[in-house]
Amino acid sequence: MSVIRLRVMRLTGGRSVVLRPRALAVGAGCGLLALALGVLAIGSGDYPISPADVLSTLAGHGSAAQDFIVNQLRLPRVVTALLVGAALGLSGALFQSLVRNPLGSPDVLGFTQGASAGALVVVVTGGSSLALACGAVAGGLATGVLIHALAWRQGVHGYRLVLIGIGVAAVLTGVNSYLLTRAQLMDAARAVLWLTGSLDGRGWENAWPLAAAMAVVVPLVLGLGRALRMMEMGDDAACALGVRVERVRLVLLASAVVLASFAAAAAGPVSFVALTAPQLARRMTKAPGAGLLPSMATGAALLVAADWGAQRLFTGHQLPVGVVTGVLGGGYLVWLLATERRAGRI
């Protein structure tokens, strides 16, 4: 039987913080790996730059050519990948913890399809790229409200939310297919690339809205981490410990939907990162609970690595990052379902 090592820090006001050294180590290690992969990605390309020169340029000591390539062309894409991966990792961890199901993620529950529907409405009406991003956010949030309303029955419970989310996702998939047929040829081609999930051509205008959303949502979510851990023991136990279960659940669900929606607005509906990152983080930390920070770091590392591979797997041809995450995540999902079946849980 594995032993989970904990450290409790006493704070002023009678509060305490539980520290798990292994979880902290995993989170820090994945975060450093994500940054290292980001440096390698910035230095890769038709104009290669060594990691030392990349770091020197980021510190403001590079040549004019290096400064333009690093700071203007490649850094925005890598920063967007880091932010999108972290947002999806945290969103997936929240969904999986709240519904108490390893399949809980915005891909499965319909929120990604809702963001796609909002973006496709903008494409059909001939909107700009900024309007497309706003449409994705609006679609994701509207889907979140719809699923919550349909799943509400004196509270929102895990399996009901999952089943309704899967049903809404199926409906929205059909709606999205119809919207594609109504778009002009060039707009449809742009929409298909966006629906695949791509970081190609991403600039600071794609990264800043997501960064602003995370600056608001992440501290809020981490502040509710203690309540989330109590809710994993069951609603009755959490209520007995003083947690306002429905209010906390609503805030955390809304936070997860916001993160997934803004991530989709920045890079399109990148698949399976929200599903796999929390699972991998939990297996590495071997700790109970949502593992919010390790999930964020793992998601960031996964997406940067997938984007680097998407650019380098085939010489002279770049794949959308969603293709790589879809192939890897689909294989992981099959393995996860087989494992759950052998364990008798499905």
Protein backbone atom coordinates (compact mmCIF):
# COMPACT_ATOMS: atom_id res chain seq x y z
CA MET A 1 0.00 0.00 0.00
CA SER A 2 1.42 3.38 -1.01
CA VAL A 3 2.01 6.01 1.64
CA ILE A 4 1.07 9.62 0.93
CA ARG A 5 3.38 12.02 2.75
CA LEU A 6 1.77 15.23 3.96
CA ARG A 7 3.06 18.33 5.64
CA VAL A 8 0.75 20.71 7.45
CA MET A 9 1.69 24.37 7.75
CA ARG A 10 -0.12 26.36 10.42
CA LEU A 11 -1.11 29.85 9.35
CA THR A 12 -2.42 32.80 11.32
CA GLY A 13 -6.11 32.83 12.14
CA GLY A 14 -6.26 29.12 12.92
CA ARG A 15 -5.99 28.03 9.30
CA SER A 16 -3.65 25.41 7.89
CA VAL A 17 -2.35 24.37 4.50
CA VAL A 18 -1.67 20.74 3.59
CA LEU A 19 1.46 20.33 1.50
CA ARG A 20 2.17 17.18 -0.48
CA PRO A 21 5.90 17.16 -1.34
CA ARG A 22 5.49 14.70 -4.22
CA ALA A 23 2.68 16.75 -5.77
CA LEU A 24 4.75 19.92 -5.44
CA ALA A 25 7.74 18.18 -7.02
CA VAL A 26 5.65 16.87 -9.92
CA GLY A 27 4.08 20.28 -10.51
CA ALA A 28 7.44 22.04 -10.42
CA GLY A 29 9.06 19.41 -12.64
CA CYS A 30 6.30 19.57 -15.27
CA GLY A 31 6.37 23.36 -15.16
CA LEU A 32 10.12 23.43 -15.76
CA LEU A 33 9.74 20.82 -18.52
CA ALA A 34 7.10 22.99 -20.19
CA LEU A 35 9.39 26.02 -20.08
CA ALA A 36 12.35 24.01 -21.38
CA LEU A 37 10.26 22.65 -24.25
CA GLY A 38 9.12 26.20 -24.95
CA VAL A 39 12.72 27.37 -25.27
CA LEU A 40 13.47 24.48 -27.65
CA ALA A 41 10.36 25.28 -29.70
CA ILE A 42 11.36 28.94 -29.97
CA GLY A 43 14.81 27.96 -31.20
CA SER A 44 13.52 25.47 -33.78
CA GLY A 45 12.61 26.32 -37.35
CA ASP A 46 14.04 27.44 -40.66
CA TYR A 47 16.25 29.88 -38.74
CA PRO A 48 17.56 27.75 -35.83
CA ILE A 49 18.63 29.48 -32.64
CA SER A 50 20.47 27.76 -29.81
CA PRO A 51 18.77 27.62 -26.37
CA ALA A 52 21.46 29.89 -24.94
CA ASP A 53 20.81 32.49 -27.64
CA VAL A 54 17.05 32.17 -27.10
CA LEU A 55 17.46 32.91 -23.39
CA SER A 56 19.87 35.77 -24.18
CA THR A 57 17.38 37.24 -26.65
CA LEU A 58 14.53 36.95 -24.17
CA ALA A 59 16.70 38.86 -21.70
CA GLY A 60 17.15 41.62 -24.29
CA HIS A 61 20.68 40.83 -25.44
CA GLY A 62 20.06 39.27 -28.87
CA SER A 63 20.69 40.68 -32.31
CA ALA A 64 17.99 42.55 -34.21
CA ALA A 65 17.21 39.48 -36.33
CA GLN A 66 17.05 37.21 -33.28
CA ASP A 67 14.87 39.70 -31.42
CA PHE A 68 12.37 39.82 -34.30
CA ILE A 69 12.25 36.04 -34.76
CA VAL A 70 12.06 35.20 -31.06
CA ASN A 71 9.87 37.95 -29.63
CA GLN A 72 7.63 38.71 -32.58
CA LEU A 73 7.28 35.45 -34.50
CA ARG A 74 7.80 32.48 -32.18
CA LEU A 75 7.30 33.60 -28.58
CA PRO A 76 3.58 34.45 -28.95
CA ARG A 77 2.86 30.96 -30.28
CA VAL A 78 4.72 29.27 -27.42
CA VAL A 79 3.11 31.50 -24.78
CA THR A 80 -0.31 30.74 -26.25
CA ALA A 81 0.47 27.01 -26.13
CA LEU A 82 1.55 27.24 -22.49
CA LEU A 83 -1.56 29.17 -21.50
CA VAL A 84 -3.97 26.98 -23.46
CA GLY A 85 -2.42 23.78 -22.09
CA ALA A 86 -2.53 25.08 -18.51
CA ALA A 87 -6.12 26.27 -18.89
CA LEU A 88 -7.27 22.95 -20.35
CA GLY A 89 -5.40 20.97 -17.70
CA LEU A 90 -7.04 22.95 -14.90
CA SER A 91 -10.47 22.82 -16.56
CA GLY A 92 -10.25 19.05 -16.98
CA ALA A 93 -9.14 18.59 -13.36
CA LEU A 94 -12.13 20.60 -12.14
CA PHE A 95 -14.62 18.70 -14.29
CA GLN A 96 -13.24 15.29 -13.32
CA SER A 97 -13.31 16.18 -9.64
CA LEU A 98 -16.80 17.70 -9.69
CA VAL A 99 -18.44 14.87 -11.65
CA ARG A 100 -16.25 12.23 -9.95
CA ASN A 101 -15.63 10.57 -13.27
CA PRO A 102 -12.30 10.15 -15.12
CA LEU A 103 -14.11 10.86 -18.42
CA GLY A 104 -15.20 14.30 -17.28
CA SER A 105 -13.69 16.91 -19.60
CA PRO A 106 -14.97 19.75 -21.79
CA ASP A 107 -14.43 17.51 -24.86
CA VAL A 108 -16.80 14.84 -23.57
CA LEU A 109 -19.34 17.04 -21.78
CA GLY A 110 -20.19 19.26 -24.75
CA PHE A 111 -18.58 22.56 -23.75
CA THR A 112 -15.98 22.37 -26.51
CA GLN A 113 -18.71 21.68 -29.06
CA GLY A 114 -20.61 24.69 -27.73
CA ALA A 115 -17.59 26.92 -28.23
CA SER A 116 -17.24 25.52 -31.75
CA ALA A 117 -20.88 26.28 -32.49
CA GLY A 118 -20.44 29.88 -31.37
CA ALA A 119 -17.38 30.27 -33.58
CA LEU A 120 -19.10 28.70 -36.58
CA VAL A 121 -22.04 31.08 -36.29
CA VAL A 122 -19.54 33.93 -36.64
CA VAL A 123 -17.89 32.21 -39.63
CA VAL A 124 -21.22 31.77 -41.40
CA THR A 125 -22.12 35.42 -40.85
CA GLY A 126 -18.72 36.57 -42.13
CA GLY A 127 -17.24 37.83 -38.85
CA SER A 128 -13.63 38.72 -38.19
CA SER A 129 -11.07 36.68 -36.24
CA LEU A 130 -11.78 38.74 -33.13
CA ALA A 131 -15.50 38.10 -33.53
CA LEU A 132 -14.74 34.37 -33.96
CA ALA A 133 -12.91 34.31 -30.63
CA CYS A 134 -15.77 36.18 -28.94
CA GLY A 135 -18.25 33.76 -30.51
CA ALA A 136 -16.31 30.79 -29.14
CA VAL A 137 -16.38 32.23 -25.62
CA ALA A 138 -20.08 33.06 -25.87
CA GLY A 139 -20.91 29.60 -27.26
CA GLY A 140 -19.03 27.82 -24.50
CA LEU A 141 -20.65 29.88 -21.76
CA ALA A 142 -24.13 29.47 -23.24
CA THR A 143 -23.62 25.70 -23.43
CA GLY A 144 -22.52 25.68 -19.82
CA VAL A 145 -25.71 27.47 -18.77
CA LEU A 146 -27.82 25.06 -20.84
CA ILE A 147 -26.21 21.90 -19.46
CA HIS A 148 -26.41 23.17 -15.89
CA ALA A 149 -30.09 24.02 -16.31
CA LEU A 150 -30.90 20.61 -17.80
CA ALA A 151 -28.88 18.75 -15.15
CA TRP A 152 -30.33 20.67 -12.21
CA ARG A 153 -32.64 18.67 -9.96
CA GLN A 154 -32.28 19.90 -6.40
CA GLY A 155 -28.58 20.09 -7.18
CA VAL A 156 -26.22 18.95 -9.92
CA HIS A 157 -24.80 15.44 -9.61
CA GLY A 158 -21.99 13.80 -11.49
CA TYR A 159 -23.51 11.11 -13.69
CA ARG A 160 -26.52 13.22 -14.62
CA LEU A 161 -24.22 16.04 -15.71
CA VAL A 162 -22.09 13.60 -17.74
CA LEU A 163 -25.06 12.02 -19.50
CA ILE A 164 -26.71 15.33 -20.33
CA GLY A 165 -23.38 16.74 -21.46
CA ILE A 166 -22.83 13.82 -23.82
CA GLY A 167 -26.33 14.30 -25.25
CA VAL A 168 -25.81 18.05 -25.75
CA ALA A 169 -22.43 17.34 -27.36
CA ALA A 170 -24.09 14.98 -29.86
CA VAL A 171 -26.71 17.60 -30.75
CA LEU A 172 -24.12 20.34 -31.13
CA THR A 173 -21.94 18.13 -33.32
CA GLY A 174 -24.84 17.86 -35.76
CA VAL A 175 -25.45 21.62 -35.56
CA ASN A 176 -21.78 22.30 -36.28
CA SER A 177 -21.83 20.02 -39.31
CA TYR A 178 -24.85 21.89 -40.66
CA LEU A 179 -23.23 25.29 -40.05
CA LEU A 180 -20.18 24.19 -42.05
CA THR A 181 -22.40 23.46 -45.04
CA ARG A 182 -23.80 27.00 -44.88
CA ALA A 183 -20.41 28.72 -44.94
CA GLN A 184 -18.61 29.99 -48.03
CA LEU A 185 -15.82 27.76 -49.32
CA MET A 186 -12.95 29.90 -48.02
CA ASP A 187 -14.69 30.49 -44.70
CA ALA A 188 -15.42 26.78 -44.36
CA ALA A 189 -11.75 25.94 -44.94
CA ARG A 190 -10.75 28.45 -42.24
CA ALA A 191 -13.36 27.01 -39.91
CA VAL A 192 -12.21 23.42 -40.44
CA LEU A 193 -8.63 24.40 -39.55
CA TRP A 194 -9.87 26.17 -36.44
CA LEU A 195 -12.05 23.19 -35.48
CA THR A 196 -9.02 20.91 -35.66
CA GLY A 197 -7.18 23.03 -33.12
CA SER A 198 -4.17 24.98 -34.34
CA LEU A 199 -1.53 27.34 -32.99
CA ASP A 200 -0.35 28.41 -36.42
CA GLY A 201 -0.08 32.19 -36.75
CA ARG A 202 -1.04 32.87 -33.15
CA GLY A 203 0.00 36.29 -31.88
CA TRP A 204 -0.17 38.29 -28.68
CA GLU A 205 -3.77 39.22 -29.47
CA ASN A 206 -4.64 35.52 -28.94
CA ALA A 207 -2.64 35.12 -25.74
CA TRP A 208 -3.65 38.20 -23.75
CA PRO A 209 -7.41 37.51 -23.39
CA LEU A 210 -6.70 34.01 -22.10
CA ALA A 211 -3.98 35.33 -19.77
CA ALA A 212 -6.42 37.90 -18.37
CA ALA A 213 -9.11 35.25 -17.84
CA MET A 214 -6.64 32.96 -16.06
CA ALA A 215 -5.41 35.81 -13.86
CA VAL A 216 -8.96 36.10 -12.52
CA VAL A 217 -10.07 32.46 -12.52
CA VAL A 218 -6.97 30.61 -11.29
CA PRO A 219 -6.68 32.41 -7.89
CA LEU A 220 -10.43 31.94 -7.39
CA VAL A 221 -10.19 28.20 -8.10
CA LEU A 222 -7.12 27.69 -5.92
CA GLY A 223 -8.85 29.56 -3.11
CA LEU A 224 -11.68 27.01 -3.27
CA GLY A 225 -9.30 24.04 -3.36
CA ARG A 226 -9.98 23.10 0.25
CA ALA A 227 -13.73 23.08 -0.34
CA LEU A 228 -13.22 20.99 -3.49
CA ARG A 229 -11.25 18.39 -1.53
CA MET A 230 -14.06 18.17 1.02
CA MET A 231 -16.68 17.80 -1.71
CA GLU A 232 -14.84 14.75 -3.04
CA MET A 233 -15.80 13.01 0.22
CA GLY A 234 -19.48 13.48 -0.67
CA ASP A 235 -21.97 16.31 -0.48
CA ASP A 236 -23.28 15.31 2.95
CA ALA A 237 -19.81 15.21 4.48
CA ALA A 238 -18.88 18.52 2.87
CA CYS A 239 -22.07 20.15 4.17
CA ALA A 240 -21.32 18.83 7.66
CA LEU A 241 -17.90 20.48 7.44
CA GLY A 242 -19.44 23.83 6.58
CA VAL A 243 -19.06 23.87 2.78
CA ARG A 244 -21.86 25.51 0.80
CA VAL A 245 -21.83 22.72 -1.72
CA GLU A 246 -24.11 24.02 -4.46
CA ARG A 247 -22.60 27.50 -4.43
CA VAL A 248 -19.04 26.16 -4.57
CA ARG A 249 -19.96 23.66 -7.29
CA LEU A 250 -21.57 26.39 -9.39
CA VAL A 251 -18.54 28.67 -9.06
CA LEU A 252 -16.11 25.89 -9.95
CA LEU A 253 -18.20 24.68 -12.89
CA ALA A 254 -18.42 28.23 -14.21
CA SER A 255 -14.65 28.61 -13.79
CA ALA A 256 -13.99 25.38 -15.70
CA VAL A 257 -16.31 26.47 -18.53
CA VAL A 258 -14.65 29.90 -18.73
CA LEU A 259 -11.18 28.32 -18.94
CA ALA A 260 -12.25 25.87 -21.66
CA SER A 261 -14.05 28.59 -23.64
CA PHE A 262 -11.16 31.07 -23.60
CA ALA A 263 -8.73 28.26 -24.47
CA ALA A 264 -10.90 27.38 -27.48
CA ALA A 265 -11.01 31.04 -28.47
CA ALA A 266 -7.20 31.20 -28.42
CA ALA A 267 -6.32 27.99 -30.27
CA GLY A 268 -9.52 26.28 -31.34
CA PRO A 269 -10.99 23.19 -29.66
CA VAL A 270 -7.73 21.30 -29.00
CA SER A 271 -8.89 17.83 -28.10
CA PHE A 272 -8.03 15.47 -25.24
CA VAL A 273 -5.57 17.68 -23.33
CA ALA A 274 -8.24 18.41 -20.70
CA LEU A 275 -8.92 14.66 -20.43
CA THR A 276 -5.36 13.34 -20.26
CA ALA A 277 -3.47 16.01 -18.30
CA PRO A 278 -5.29 15.53 -14.96
CA GLN A 279 -5.08 11.75 -15.30
CA LEU A 280 -1.34 11.83 -15.95
CA ALA A 281 -0.80 14.31 -13.13
CA ARG A 282 -2.74 12.12 -10.71
CA ARG A 283 -0.73 9.06 -11.69
CA MET A 284 2.55 10.92 -11.21
CA THR A 285 1.62 12.48 -7.88
CA LYS A 286 -0.13 9.33 -6.55
CA ALA A 287 -2.20 11.66 -4.41
CA PRO A 288 -5.97 11.93 -3.94
CA GLY A 289 -7.85 15.04 -4.92
CA ALA A 290 -8.01 17.17 -8.04
CA GLY A 291 -4.30 18.03 -8.20
CA LEU A 292 -4.96 21.47 -9.68
CA LEU A 293 -1.42 22.84 -9.99
CA PRO A 294 0.13 19.57 -11.27
CA SER A 295 -2.69 19.32 -13.84
CA MET A 296 -1.98 22.84 -15.05
CA ALA A 297 1.74 22.16 -15.42
CA THR A 298 1.14 18.81 -17.11
CA GLY A 299 -1.32 20.34 -19.57
CA ALA A 300 1.15 23.09 -20.47
CA ALA A 301 3.96 20.58 -21.04
CA LEU A 302 1.71 18.30 -23.10
CA LEU A 303 0.53 21.02 -25.46
CA VAL A 304 3.97 22.56 -26.01
CA ALA A 305 5.41 19.11 -26.72
CA ALA A 306 2.53 18.27 -29.07
CA ASP A 307 2.94 21.55 -30.96
CA TRP A 308 6.69 21.04 -31.28
CA GLY A 309 6.05 17.54 -32.63
CA ALA A 310 3.34 18.81 -34.99
CA GLN A 311 5.88 21.17 -36.56
CA ARG A 312 8.71 18.63 -36.81
CA LEU A 313 7.13 15.20 -37.53
CA PHE A 314 6.95 15.74 -41.29
CA THR A 315 9.63 17.71 -43.06
CA GLY A 316 8.23 20.64 -44.99
CA HIS A 317 4.69 20.17 -43.64
CA GLN A 318 3.19 21.31 -40.34
CA LEU A 319 0.29 19.51 -38.72
CA PRO A 320 -2.34 21.30 -36.64
CA VAL A 321 -1.59 20.60 -33.00
CA GLY A 322 -5.10 19.18 -32.58
CA VAL A 323 -4.21 16.29 -34.88
CA VAL A 324 -1.34 15.23 -32.60
CA THR A 325 -3.32 15.62 -29.38
CA GLY A 326 -6.28 13.81 -30.97
CA VAL A 327 -4.19 10.78 -31.96
CA LEU A 328 -2.39 10.56 -28.62
CA GLY A 329 -5.48 11.37 -26.57
CA GLY A 330 -7.66 8.92 -28.48
CA GLY A 331 -5.20 6.15 -27.77
CA TYR A 332 -5.12 7.14 -24.11
CA LEU A 333 -8.94 7.15 -23.96
CA VAL A 334 -9.11 3.62 -25.36
CA TRP A 335 -6.54 2.48 -22.77
CA LEU A 336 -8.45 4.25 -19.98
CA LEU A 337 -11.76 2.62 -20.97
CA ALA A 338 -10.10 -0.79 -21.13
CA THR A 339 -8.59 -0.25 -17.68
CA GLU A 340 -11.91 0.87 -16.20
CA ARG A 341 -13.63 -2.15 -17.73
CA ARG A 342 -11.10 -4.59 -16.30
CA ALA A 343 -11.57 -2.97 -12.91
CA GLY A 344 -15.34 -3.51 -13.21
CA ARG A 345 -16.18 0.18 -13.01
CA ILE A 346 -17.91 0.34 -16.40
